[in-house]
Amino acid sequence: MPTKNVVVGSAVGLHARPAALIAQAAAEAGVPVTIANPGGTPVDAGSALMIMTLGAKAGAEVIVETADEATLSTIAGLIEQDLDA
């Protein structure tokens, strides 16, 4: 399955607001999407709570994985943005 390493762009990391926006986009994609810390267990990107359990801070690298290239680009793009700005 395609993966992409992405640097977290939100100043507060993957906290409540960014996680909610990412989870909404992942849920709307209609395909399974996971996010993981390098070497960590992937979590369901469709769940804001699961995204927040990663504890990913601003500037941290995470790995996005999904079978759909367009969804991969969308979710990766959201993670790279400062969604609290």
C-alpha atoms as a PDB file:
ATOM      1  CA  MET A   1       0.000   0.000   0.000  1.00  0.00           C
ATOM      2  CA  PRO A   2       1.339   3.490  -0.805  1.00  0.00           C
ATOM      3  CA  THR A   3       2.824   5.438   2.096  1.00  0.00           C
ATOM      4  CA  LYS A   4       4.155   8.945   2.535  1.00  0.00           C
ATOM      5  CA  ASN A   5       6.324  10.411   5.268  1.00  0.00           C
ATOM      6  CA  VAL A   6       4.996  13.822   6.284  1.00  0.00           C
ATOM      7  CA  VAL A   7       6.163  16.519   8.699  1.00  0.00           C
ATOM      8  CA  VAL A   8       3.440  17.867  11.018  1.00  0.00           C
ATOM      9  CA  GLY A   9       2.857  21.522  10.158  1.00  0.00           C
ATOM     10  CA  SER A  10       0.377  22.563  12.853  1.00  0.00           C
ATOM     11  CA  ALA A  11       1.992  24.656  15.567  1.00  0.00           C
ATOM     12  CA  VAL A  12       0.203  22.624  18.244  1.00  0.00           C
ATOM     13  CA  GLY A  13       0.878  19.281  16.559  1.00  0.00           C
ATOM     14  CA  LEU A  14      -1.890  16.809  15.828  1.00  0.00           C
ATOM     15  CA  HIS A  15      -4.143  18.061  18.610  1.00  0.00           C
ATOM     16  CA  ALA A  16      -7.937  18.512  18.664  1.00  0.00           C
ATOM     17  CA  ARG A  17      -8.651  20.882  15.755  1.00  0.00           C
ATOM     18  CA  PRO A  18      -6.090  19.488  13.281  1.00  0.00           C
ATOM     19  CA  ALA A  19      -6.992  15.916  14.228  1.00  0.00           C
ATOM     20  CA  ALA A  20     -10.700  16.602  13.699  1.00  0.00           C
ATOM     21  CA  LEU A  21     -10.122  18.110  10.246  1.00  0.00           C
ATOM     22  CA  ILE A  22      -7.853  15.236   9.193  1.00  0.00           C
ATOM     23  CA  ALA A  23     -10.286  12.623  10.552  1.00  0.00           C
ATOM     24  CA  GLN A  24     -13.191  14.211   8.702  1.00  0.00           C
ATOM     25  CA  ALA A  25     -11.275  14.147   5.405  1.00  0.00           C
ATOM     26  CA  ALA A  26     -10.185  10.538   5.985  1.00  0.00           C
ATOM     27  CA  ALA A  27     -13.731   9.433   6.812  1.00  0.00           C
ATOM     28  CA  GLU A  28     -15.111  11.167   3.714  1.00  0.00           C
ATOM     29  CA  ALA A  29     -12.498   9.455   1.509  1.00  0.00           C
ATOM     30  CA  GLY A  30     -14.270   6.121   1.841  1.00  0.00           C
ATOM     31  CA  VAL A  31     -11.034   4.103   1.973  1.00  0.00           C
ATOM     32  CA  PRO A  32      -9.003   2.978   4.997  1.00  0.00           C
ATOM     33  CA  VAL A  33      -6.311   5.492   5.961  1.00  0.00           C
ATOM     34  CA  THR A  34      -3.772   5.094   8.750  1.00  0.00           C
ATOM     35  CA  ILE A  35      -1.255   7.420  10.381  1.00  0.00           C
ATOM     36  CA  ALA A  36       1.710   6.240  12.427  1.00  0.00           C
ATOM     37  CA  ASN A  37       4.818   7.504  14.139  1.00  0.00           C
ATOM     38  CA  PRO A  38       7.950   5.986  12.564  1.00  0.00           C
ATOM     39  CA  GLY A  39       8.292   2.502  14.032  1.00  0.00           C
ATOM     40  CA  GLY A  40       4.928   2.833  15.782  1.00  0.00           C
ATOM     41  CA  THR A  41       1.564   1.151  15.430  1.00  0.00           C
ATOM     42  CA  PRO A  42      -0.684   2.727  12.775  1.00  0.00           C
ATOM     43  CA  VAL A  43      -3.947   4.302  13.946  1.00  0.00           C
ATOM     44  CA  ASP A  44      -7.205   4.896  12.066  1.00  0.00           C
ATOM     45  CA  ALA A  45      -7.006   8.360  10.489  1.00  0.00           C
ATOM     46  CA  GLY A  46     -10.807   8.513  10.488  1.00  0.00           C
ATOM     47  CA  SER A  47     -10.773   8.940  14.269  1.00  0.00           C
ATOM     48  CA  ALA A  48      -9.652  12.264  15.760  1.00  0.00           C
ATOM     49  CA  LEU A  49      -9.136  10.577  19.124  1.00  0.00           C
ATOM     50  CA  MET A  50      -6.847   7.944  17.613  1.00  0.00           C
ATOM     51  CA  ILE A  51      -4.853  10.631  15.773  1.00  0.00           C
ATOM     52  CA  MET A  52      -4.370  12.536  19.037  1.00  0.00           C
ATOM     53  CA  THR A  53      -3.031   9.385  20.741  1.00  0.00           C
ATOM     54  CA  LEU A  54       0.012   9.604  18.451  1.00  0.00           C
ATOM     55  CA  GLY A  55       1.189  12.638  20.404  1.00  0.00           C
ATOM     56  CA  ALA A  56       2.757  14.063  17.232  1.00  0.00           C
ATOM     57  CA  LYS A  57       4.152  17.537  17.888  1.00  0.00           C
ATOM     58  CA  ALA A  58       4.896  20.303  15.378  1.00  0.00           C
ATOM     59  CA  GLY A  59       7.812  19.264  13.182  1.00  0.00           C
ATOM     60  CA  ALA A  60       7.433  15.549  13.967  1.00  0.00           C
ATOM     61  CA  GLU A  61       7.379  13.050  11.139  1.00  0.00           C
ATOM     62  CA  VAL A  62       4.409  10.721  10.670  1.00  0.00           C
ATOM     63  CA  ILE A  63       3.647   8.081   8.072  1.00  0.00           C
ATOM     64  CA  VAL A  64       0.356   8.156   6.148  1.00  0.00           C
ATOM     65  CA  GLU A  65      -0.801   4.968   4.434  1.00  0.00           C
ATOM     66  CA  THR A  66      -3.776   4.266   2.167  1.00  0.00           C
ATOM     67  CA  ALA A  67      -4.483   2.410  -1.064  1.00  0.00           C
ATOM     68  CA  ASP A  68      -5.783   5.532  -2.853  1.00  0.00           C
ATOM     69  CA  GLU A  69      -3.129   7.967  -4.157  1.00  0.00           C
ATOM     70  CA  ALA A  70      -5.507  10.964  -4.212  1.00  0.00           C
ATOM     71  CA  THR A  71      -6.517  10.335  -0.595  1.00  0.00           C
ATOM     72  CA  LEU A  72      -2.855   9.945   0.350  1.00  0.00           C
ATOM     73  CA  SER A  73      -2.082  13.351  -1.150  1.00  0.00           C
ATOM     74  CA  THR A  74      -5.091  14.977   0.523  1.00  0.00           C
ATOM     75  CA  ILE A  75      -4.368  13.646   4.019  1.00  0.00           C
ATOM     76  CA  ALA A  76      -0.626  14.303   3.718  1.00  0.00           C
ATOM     77  CA  GLY A  77      -1.370  17.854   2.582  1.00  0.00           C
ATOM     78  CA  LEU A  78      -3.604  18.464   5.590  1.00  0.00           C
ATOM     79  CA  ILE A  79      -0.964  17.160   8.003  1.00  0.00           C
ATOM     80  CA  GLU A  80       1.653  19.485   6.464  1.00  0.00           C
ATOM     81  CA  GLN A  81      -0.550  22.568   6.939  1.00  0.00           C
ATOM     82  CA  ASP A  82      -0.860  24.677  10.073  1.00  0.00           C
ATOM     83  CA  LEU A  83      -4.541  23.903  10.598  1.00  0.00           C
ATOM     84  CA  ASP A  84      -4.728  26.151  13.655  1.00  0.00           C
ATOM     85  CA  ALA A  85      -3.694  29.268  11.747  1.00  0.00           C
END
